[in-house]
Amino acid sequence: MARTLIAYYSRRGNNYSNGRIVNLPVGNTEVIAGKIREITGGDLFEIKTTMPYPEDYTEATHVARDELNGNARPQLAATLDNMDSYELIYLGYPNWWGMMPMAVFTFLESYDFSGKTIMPFCTHEGSELGNSEHDIQRLCKNAHVMPGLAIRGSSVANVDNNLAIWLKKSQVKE
């Protein structure tokens, strides 16, 4: 069986959900990553930046937009020493401004994904996958990028059925 990695970026604390700001003890993308781990038994890796975003949601969105506009590559707090041992990578992230957070770009540019299968999943509040699938394909030219799964962040608690269907459609053995 292929060695599986679930790499994800997630935001705890102040988040936008159903038109208002809520405080999440666990970020939406992290919730989905945990569910995928339960099903697949894969290894979890949280993509974290050395400089955390502001706690305030509005301030954090300003920083994220500045990073996007500047095509920034935030420094990551940790790296994987054994990326070569993984064949299947679930890549999770929130959709910010129609794309992945810039920290996910840093992660993807830090490794060689040649010959690997990447299955993207994102959480959002209306933007779906945005440009992220295209960006992953562009950054990981020699990887097989499967169709992604977009999950409304406010619905993560009720996603088990859709997640199972996506995993089966993608021919991932549970």
C-alpha atoms as a PDB file:
ATOM      1  CA  MET A   1       0.000   0.000   0.000  1.00  0.00           C
ATOM      2  CA  ALA A   2       1.265   3.483  -0.874  1.00  0.00           C
ATOM      3  CA  ARG A   3       2.627   5.524   1.981  1.00  0.00           C
ATOM      4  CA  THR A   4       0.224   8.412   2.497  1.00  0.00           C
ATOM      5  CA  LEU A   5       0.815  11.969   3.691  1.00  0.00           C
ATOM      6  CA  ILE A   6      -1.865  14.443   4.687  1.00  0.00           C
ATOM      7  CA  ALA A   7      -0.223  17.880   4.502  1.00  0.00           C
ATOM      8  CA  TYR A   8      -2.442  20.791   5.415  1.00  0.00           C
ATOM      9  CA  TYR A   9      -2.503  24.456   6.284  1.00  0.00           C
ATOM     10  CA  SER A  10      -5.306  25.559   8.596  1.00  0.00           C
ATOM     11  CA  ARG A  11      -6.274  28.604  10.616  1.00  0.00           C
ATOM     12  CA  ARG A  12      -7.574  28.351  14.177  1.00  0.00           C
ATOM     13  CA  GLY A  13      -9.209  31.220  16.002  1.00  0.00           C
ATOM     14  CA  ASN A  14     -11.106  34.020  14.257  1.00  0.00           C
ATOM     15  CA  ASN A  15     -12.560  32.823  10.961  1.00  0.00           C
ATOM     16  CA  TYR A  16     -15.341  33.845   8.608  1.00  0.00           C
ATOM     17  CA  SER A  17     -18.310  31.475   8.624  1.00  0.00           C
ATOM     18  CA  ASN A  18     -21.836  31.979   7.320  1.00  0.00           C
ATOM     19  CA  GLY A  19     -21.438  35.742   7.087  1.00  0.00           C
ATOM     20  CA  ARG A  20     -19.943  36.329  10.533  1.00  0.00           C
ATOM     21  CA  ILE A  21     -16.687  35.984  12.432  1.00  0.00           C
ATOM     22  CA  VAL A  22     -16.506  32.942  14.719  1.00  0.00           C
ATOM     23  CA  ASN A  23     -13.781  31.569  16.961  1.00  0.00           C
ATOM     24  CA  LEU A  24     -12.684  28.077  15.921  1.00  0.00           C
ATOM     25  CA  PRO A  25     -10.635  26.027  18.412  1.00  0.00           C
ATOM     26  CA  VAL A  26      -9.632  23.788  15.480  1.00  0.00           C
ATOM     27  CA  GLY A  27      -9.390  25.176  11.964  1.00  0.00           C
ATOM     28  CA  ASN A  28     -11.773  23.830   9.314  1.00  0.00           C
ATOM     29  CA  THR A  29      -9.034  22.406   7.116  1.00  0.00           C
ATOM     30  CA  GLU A  30      -7.485  20.659  10.125  1.00  0.00           C
ATOM     31  CA  VAL A  31     -10.851  19.024  10.863  1.00  0.00           C
ATOM     32  CA  ILE A  32     -10.953  17.587   7.323  1.00  0.00           C
ATOM     33  CA  ALA A  33      -7.300  16.483   7.515  1.00  0.00           C
ATOM     34  CA  GLY A  34      -8.138  14.570  10.690  1.00  0.00           C
ATOM     35  CA  LYS A  35     -11.078  12.866   9.024  1.00  0.00           C
ATOM     36  CA  ILE A  36      -8.878  11.831   6.086  1.00  0.00           C
ATOM     37  CA  ARG A  37      -6.323  10.443   8.538  1.00  0.00           C
ATOM     38  CA  GLU A  38      -9.037   8.393  10.253  1.00  0.00           C
ATOM     39  CA  ILE A  39     -10.039   6.866   6.913  1.00  0.00           C
ATOM     40  CA  THR A  40      -6.622   6.403   5.291  1.00  0.00           C
ATOM     41  CA  GLY A  41      -4.255   6.021   8.240  1.00  0.00           C
ATOM     42  CA  GLY A  42      -1.881   8.492   6.571  1.00  0.00           C
ATOM     43  CA  ASP A  43       0.715  10.624   8.319  1.00  0.00           C
ATOM     44  CA  LEU A  44      -0.282  14.182   9.251  1.00  0.00           C
ATOM     45  CA  PHE A  45       1.932  17.213   8.590  1.00  0.00           C
ATOM     46  CA  GLU A  46       0.759  20.701   9.458  1.00  0.00           C
ATOM     47  CA  ILE A  47       2.134  23.432   7.219  1.00  0.00           C
ATOM     48  CA  LYS A  48       2.916  26.294   9.616  1.00  0.00           C
ATOM     49  CA  THR A  49       4.666  29.586   9.095  1.00  0.00           C
ATOM     50  CA  THR A  50       7.374  30.920  11.388  1.00  0.00           C
ATOM     51  CA  MET A  51       5.472  34.226  11.621  1.00  0.00           C
ATOM     52  CA  PRO A  52       1.873  33.594  12.670  1.00  0.00           C
ATOM     53  CA  TYR A  53      -0.948  35.625  11.180  1.00  0.00           C
ATOM     54  CA  PRO A  54      -2.661  38.193  13.413  1.00  0.00           C
ATOM     55  CA  GLU A  55      -5.399  36.790  15.635  1.00  0.00           C
ATOM     56  CA  ASP A  56      -7.921  39.315  14.361  1.00  0.00           C
ATOM     57  CA  TYR A  57      -9.591  37.951  11.229  1.00  0.00           C
ATOM     58  CA  THR A  58      -9.679  41.246   9.340  1.00  0.00           C
ATOM     59  CA  GLU A  59      -6.019  41.971  10.095  1.00  0.00           C
ATOM     60  CA  ALA A  60      -5.103  38.429   9.016  1.00  0.00           C
ATOM     61  CA  THR A  61      -6.904  38.909   5.688  1.00  0.00           C
ATOM     62  CA  HIS A  62      -4.907  42.093   5.074  1.00  0.00           C
ATOM     63  CA  VAL A  63      -1.644  40.244   5.682  1.00  0.00           C
ATOM     64  CA  ALA A  64      -2.763  37.374   3.444  1.00  0.00           C
ATOM     65  CA  ARG A  65      -3.729  39.786   0.660  1.00  0.00           C
ATOM     66  CA  ASP A  66      -0.365  41.588   0.957  1.00  0.00           C
ATOM     67  CA  GLU A  67       1.403  38.211   0.667  1.00  0.00           C
ATOM     68  CA  LEU A  68      -0.654  37.357  -2.406  1.00  0.00           C
ATOM     69  CA  ASN A  69      -0.039  40.720  -4.050  1.00  0.00           C
ATOM     70  CA  GLY A  70       3.695  40.438  -3.335  1.00  0.00           C
ATOM     71  CA  ASN A  71       3.860  36.768  -4.433  1.00  0.00           C
ATOM     72  CA  ALA A  72       5.447  36.104  -1.033  1.00  0.00           C
ATOM     73  CA  ARG A  73       6.796  32.785   0.127  1.00  0.00           C
ATOM     74  CA  PRO A  74       6.451  32.769   3.915  1.00  0.00           C
ATOM     75  CA  GLN A  75       9.086  30.774   5.768  1.00  0.00           C
ATOM     76  CA  LEU A  76       7.801  27.472   7.130  1.00  0.00           C
ATOM     77  CA  ALA A  77       8.288  26.423  10.744  1.00  0.00           C
ATOM     78  CA  ALA A  78       9.067  22.786   9.885  1.00  0.00           C
ATOM     79  CA  THR A  79      10.048  20.602   6.950  1.00  0.00           C
ATOM     80  CA  LEU A  80       9.692  16.944   6.072  1.00  0.00           C
ATOM     81  CA  ASP A  81      12.894  14.919   5.866  1.00  0.00           C
ATOM     82  CA  ASN A  82      11.190  11.925   4.262  1.00  0.00           C
ATOM     83  CA  MET A  83       9.063  13.293   1.406  1.00  0.00           C
ATOM     84  CA  ASP A  84      10.577  10.673  -0.912  1.00  0.00           C
ATOM     85  CA  SER A  85       8.846   7.928   1.074  1.00  0.00           C
ATOM     86  CA  TYR A  86       5.341   9.197   0.218  1.00  0.00           C
ATOM     87  CA  GLU A  87       3.487   8.291  -2.956  1.00  0.00           C
ATOM     88  CA  LEU A  88       0.086   9.789  -2.182  1.00  0.00           C
ATOM     89  CA  ILE A  89      -0.309  13.288  -0.780  1.00  0.00           C
ATOM     90  CA  TYR A  90      -3.575  14.810   0.370  1.00  0.00           C
ATOM     91  CA  LEU A  91      -2.999  18.556   0.299  1.00  0.00           C
ATOM     92  CA  GLY A  92      -5.381  20.687   2.345  1.00  0.00           C
ATOM     93  CA  TYR A  93      -5.774  24.435   2.637  1.00  0.00           C
ATOM     94  CA  PRO A  94      -8.360  27.180   2.984  1.00  0.00           C
ATOM     95  CA  ASN A  95      -9.224  29.167  -0.134  1.00  0.00           C
ATOM     96  CA  TRP A  96      -8.008  32.716   0.417  1.00  0.00           C
ATOM     97  CA  TRP A  97      -8.606  35.304  -2.303  1.00  0.00           C
ATOM     98  CA  GLY A  98      -9.383  32.562  -4.830  1.00  0.00           C
ATOM     99  CA  MET A  99      -6.235  30.542  -4.181  1.00  0.00           C
ATOM    100  CA  MET A 100      -4.151  28.680  -1.633  1.00  0.00           C
ATOM    101  CA  PRO A 101      -2.389  30.579   1.155  1.00  0.00           C
ATOM    102  CA  MET A 102       1.110  31.531   0.089  1.00  0.00           C
ATOM    103  CA  ALA A 103       2.548  29.179   2.735  1.00  0.00           C
ATOM    104  CA  VAL A 104       1.194  26.282   0.665  1.00  0.00           C
ATOM    105  CA  PHE A 105       3.109  27.627  -2.347  1.00  0.00           C
ATOM    106  CA  THR A 106       6.251  27.594  -0.164  1.00  0.00           C
ATOM    107  CA  PHE A 107       5.528  23.968   0.795  1.00  0.00           C
ATOM    108  CA  LEU A 108       4.970  22.836  -2.799  1.00  0.00           C
ATOM    109  CA  GLU A 109       8.126  24.573  -4.031  1.00  0.00           C
ATOM    110  CA  SER A 110      10.205  22.938  -1.279  1.00  0.00           C
ATOM    111  CA  TYR A 111       9.927  19.353  -2.540  1.00  0.00           C
ATOM    112  CA  ASP A 112      10.052  17.262  -5.688  1.00  0.00           C
ATOM    113  CA  PHE A 113       6.611  15.751  -6.291  1.00  0.00           C
ATOM    114  CA  SER A 114       7.604  13.860  -9.452  1.00  0.00           C
ATOM    115  CA  GLY A 115       5.670  10.613  -9.769  1.00  0.00           C
ATOM    116  CA  LYS A 116       3.503  11.346  -6.743  1.00  0.00           C
ATOM    117  CA  THR A 117      -0.275  11.632  -6.669  1.00  0.00           C
ATOM    118  CA  ILE A 118      -1.639  14.815  -5.120  1.00  0.00           C
ATOM    119  CA  MET A 119      -5.250  15.017  -4.002  1.00  0.00           C
ATOM    120  CA  PRO A 120      -6.145  18.612  -3.091  1.00  0.00           C
ATOM    121  CA  PHE A 121      -8.912  19.547  -0.703  1.00  0.00           C
ATOM    122  CA  CYS A 122      -9.901  22.992   0.441  1.00  0.00           C
ATOM    123  CA  THR A 123     -12.267  24.692   2.807  1.00  0.00           C
ATOM    124  CA  HIS A 124     -14.033  27.859   1.723  1.00  0.00           C
ATOM    125  CA  GLU A 125     -17.085  30.016   2.305  1.00  0.00           C
ATOM    126  CA  GLY A 126     -18.161  30.271  -1.324  1.00  0.00           C
ATOM    127  CA  SER A 127     -15.029  30.321  -3.487  1.00  0.00           C
ATOM    128  CA  GLU A 128     -14.773  26.546  -3.979  1.00  0.00           C
ATOM    129  CA  LEU A 129     -11.294  25.497  -5.234  1.00  0.00           C
ATOM    130  CA  GLY A 130     -10.632  28.785  -7.036  1.00  0.00           C
ATOM    131  CA  ASN A 131      -7.348  28.598  -8.977  1.00  0.00           C
ATOM    132  CA  SER A 132      -5.731  26.116  -6.634  1.00  0.00           C
ATOM    133  CA  GLU A 133      -5.879  22.983  -8.814  1.00  0.00           C
ATOM    134  CA  HIS A 134      -4.270  24.875 -11.692  1.00  0.00           C
ATOM    135  CA  ASP A 135      -1.610  26.295  -9.358  1.00  0.00           C
ATOM    136  CA  ILE A 136      -0.778  22.845  -7.974  1.00  0.00           C
ATOM    137  CA  GLN A 137      -0.453  21.420 -11.495  1.00  0.00           C
ATOM    138  CA  ARG A 138       1.794  24.337 -12.492  1.00  0.00           C
ATOM    139  CA  LEU A 139       4.036  23.940  -9.422  1.00  0.00           C
ATOM    140  CA  CYS A 140       4.164  20.127  -9.492  1.00  0.00           C
ATOM    141  CA  LYS A 141       4.507  19.452 -13.218  1.00  0.00           C
ATOM    142  CA  ASN A 142       5.568  15.822 -12.879  1.00  0.00           C
ATOM    143  CA  ALA A 143       2.924  14.849 -10.324  1.00  0.00           C
ATOM    144  CA  HIS A 144      -0.499  13.391 -10.984  1.00  0.00           C
ATOM    145  CA  VAL A 145      -2.985  15.926  -9.583  1.00  0.00           C
ATOM    146  CA  MET A 146      -6.402  14.418  -8.970  1.00  0.00           C
ATOM    147  CA  PRO A 147      -9.659  16.418  -8.993  1.00  0.00           C
ATOM    148  CA  GLY A 148      -9.971  18.275  -5.716  1.00  0.00           C
ATOM    149  CA  LEU A 149     -12.692  18.443  -3.112  1.00  0.00           C
ATOM    150  CA  ALA A 150     -14.062  21.812  -1.979  1.00  0.00           C
ATOM    151  CA  ILE A 151     -15.829  21.863   1.380  1.00  0.00           C
ATOM    152  CA  ARG A 152     -17.711  24.813   2.793  1.00  0.00           C
ATOM    153  CA  GLY A 153     -15.972  25.580   6.078  1.00  0.00           C
ATOM    154  CA  SER A 154     -19.228  26.001   7.943  1.00  0.00           C
ATOM    155  CA  SER A 155     -20.149  22.419   6.895  1.00  0.00           C
ATOM    156  CA  VAL A 156     -17.048  20.476   7.997  1.00  0.00           C
ATOM    157  CA  ALA A 157     -18.944  18.638  10.731  1.00  0.00           C
ATOM    158  CA  ASN A 158     -21.309  17.149   8.141  1.00  0.00           C
ATOM    159  CA  VAL A 159     -18.887  16.195   5.382  1.00  0.00           C
ATOM    160  CA  ASP A 160     -18.287  12.500   6.115  1.00  0.00           C
ATOM    161  CA  ASN A 161     -20.477  11.190   3.272  1.00  0.00           C
ATOM    162  CA  ASN A 162     -19.062  13.596   0.647  1.00  0.00           C
ATOM    163  CA  LEU A 163     -15.539  12.859   1.824  1.00  0.00           C
ATOM    164  CA  ALA A 164     -16.058   9.101   1.517  1.00  0.00           C
ATOM    165  CA  ILE A 165     -17.523   9.511  -1.987  1.00  0.00           C
ATOM    166  CA  TRP A 166     -14.566  11.692  -3.053  1.00  0.00           C
ATOM    167  CA  LEU A 167     -12.062   9.169  -1.718  1.00  0.00           C
ATOM    168  CA  LYS A 168     -13.828   6.345  -3.558  1.00  0.00           C
ATOM    169  CA  LYS A 169     -14.156   8.308  -6.826  1.00  0.00           C
ATOM    170  CA  SER A 170     -10.466   9.037  -6.628  1.00  0.00           C
ATOM    171  CA  GLN A 171      -9.775   5.310  -6.339  1.00  0.00           C
ATOM    172  CA  VAL A 172      -8.191   5.593  -2.914  1.00  0.00           C
ATOM    173  CA  LYS A 173      -8.460   2.397  -0.959  1.00  0.00           C
ATOM    174  CA  GLU A 174      -9.880   2.866   2.493  1.00  0.00           C
END
